[in-house]
Amino acid sequence: MIYARPLQVDVEPGAPVVVRPHGDVDANCADALRETLLAQVRASDVALDLSAVGFIDSPGVSVLVTAHRTACAAGHRFAIRGADGVVLKVLHAMGLEQVLPLER
């Protein structure tokens, strides 16, 4: 049996605010990331650092899309940094590199 790594979300103040989840972003913990991330994108520019995320599924991807839309509606910038491995493959497989602002 495969167990997901528990999710921890750190927020680093700055311009932009850096939101850095650690662990797997799946159906069991996507709401925790959603709550933190949406609060931040409503208030400021945000860089989401996914370098410490080993896995993401569709509920997790939904959080990213919602955060991007929320930031745009609030007039803030949203960027995704550090996506690689499985996370980057999932985003590419879903065609989201055309929708989400991915930075290398």
Protein backbone atom coordinates (compact mmCIF):
# COMPACT_ATOMS: atom_id res chain seq x y z
CA MET A 1 0.00 0.00 0.00
CA ILE A 2 1.25 3.50 -0.83
CA TYR A 3 0.76 6.24 1.73
CA ALA A 4 0.62 9.94 0.88
CA ARG A 5 3.04 12.22 2.65
CA PRO A 6 1.14 14.54 5.02
CA LEU A 7 0.89 18.11 3.74
CA GLN A 8 2.46 21.06 5.51
CA VAL A 9 2.05 24.55 4.02
CA ASP A 10 4.53 27.32 4.80
CA VAL A 11 3.91 30.98 3.97
CA GLU A 12 6.86 33.34 3.58
CA PRO A 13 6.01 37.06 3.56
CA GLY A 14 7.49 39.18 0.81
CA ALA A 15 6.81 40.52 -2.62
CA PRO A 16 5.53 38.14 -3.78
CA VAL A 17 4.36 36.05 -0.85
CA VAL A 18 5.77 32.54 -1.25
CA VAL A 19 3.45 29.66 -0.43
CA ARG A 20 5.40 26.42 -0.12
CA PRO A 21 3.55 23.14 0.43
CA HIS A 22 5.57 20.13 1.59
CA GLY A 23 4.16 16.67 0.88
CA ASP A 24 1.53 15.31 -1.47
CA VAL A 25 -1.38 17.41 -2.69
CA ASP A 26 -4.21 14.93 -3.05
CA ALA A 27 -7.92 14.64 -2.27
CA ASN A 28 -7.18 14.15 1.43
CA CYS A 29 -5.39 17.48 1.89
CA ALA A 30 -6.24 19.72 -1.08
CA ASP A 31 -8.64 21.74 1.09
CA ALA A 32 -5.83 22.72 3.47
CA LEU A 33 -3.79 24.09 0.57
CA ARG A 34 -6.86 25.74 -0.94
CA GLU A 35 -7.65 27.62 2.28
CA THR A 36 -4.12 28.97 2.71
CA LEU A 37 -3.53 29.72 -0.95
CA LEU A 38 -6.83 31.51 -1.60
CA ALA A 39 -6.39 33.72 1.47
CA GLN A 40 -3.00 34.77 0.12
CA VAL A 41 -3.96 35.38 -3.54
CA ARG A 42 -6.92 37.52 -2.48
CA ALA A 43 -4.52 39.83 -0.59
CA SER A 44 -1.27 39.92 -2.59
CA ASP A 45 0.89 38.61 -5.39
CA VAL A 46 1.82 34.96 -4.76
CA ALA A 47 4.49 32.55 -5.93
CA LEU A 48 3.51 28.94 -5.27
CA ASP A 49 6.66 26.88 -4.81
CA LEU A 50 5.95 23.23 -5.62
CA SER A 51 9.54 22.02 -5.30
CA ALA A 52 8.72 20.03 -2.13
CA VAL A 53 5.57 18.41 -3.58
CA GLY A 54 6.04 14.83 -4.74
CA PHE A 55 2.55 14.14 -6.06
CA ILE A 56 -0.56 16.04 -7.13
CA ASP A 57 -3.92 14.67 -8.26
CA SER A 58 -6.99 16.31 -9.80
CA PRO A 59 -8.30 17.92 -6.56
CA GLY A 60 -4.84 19.42 -6.08
CA VAL A 61 -4.73 20.68 -9.66
CA SER A 62 -8.18 22.20 -9.12
CA VAL A 63 -6.69 24.22 -6.24
CA LEU A 64 -4.04 25.63 -8.59
CA VAL A 65 -6.57 26.63 -11.24
CA THR A 66 -8.87 28.20 -8.63
CA ALA A 67 -5.97 30.13 -7.11
CA HIS A 68 -4.95 31.45 -10.53
CA ARG A 69 -8.49 32.59 -11.32
CA THR A 70 -8.94 34.14 -7.87
CA ALA A 71 -5.66 36.04 -8.15
CA CYS A 72 -6.62 37.39 -11.59
CA ALA A 73 -10.03 38.49 -10.32
CA ALA A 74 -8.38 40.27 -7.38
CA GLY A 75 -5.83 41.98 -9.63
CA HIS A 76 -2.88 40.04 -8.23
CA ARG A 77 -0.17 37.99 -9.91
CA PHE A 78 0.09 34.25 -9.35
CA ALA A 79 3.01 32.11 -10.46
CA ILE A 80 3.95 28.47 -9.97
CA ARG A 81 7.60 27.70 -9.32
CA GLY A 82 9.60 24.55 -8.81
CA ALA A 83 7.20 22.07 -10.42
CA ASP A 84 9.13 19.04 -11.60
CA GLY A 85 8.94 15.26 -11.79
CA VAL A 86 5.47 13.78 -11.40
CA VAL A 87 3.92 17.17 -10.61
CA LEU A 88 5.19 18.71 -13.86
CA LYS A 89 4.13 15.62 -15.84
CA VAL A 90 0.59 15.88 -14.45
CA LEU A 91 0.36 19.60 -15.32
CA HIS A 92 1.66 18.95 -18.84
CA ALA A 93 -0.62 15.91 -19.34
CA MET A 94 -3.62 18.08 -18.47
CA GLY A 95 -2.46 20.84 -20.83
CA LEU A 96 -2.18 23.31 -17.97
CA GLU A 97 1.15 24.76 -19.02
CA GLN A 98 -0.98 26.80 -21.47
CA VAL A 99 -3.26 28.04 -18.65
CA LEU A 100 -1.19 28.32 -15.50
CA PRO A 101 1.85 30.61 -15.17
CA LEU A 102 4.67 28.08 -14.73
CA GLU A 103 8.11 29.45 -13.95
CA ARG A 104 11.27 27.40 -14.10
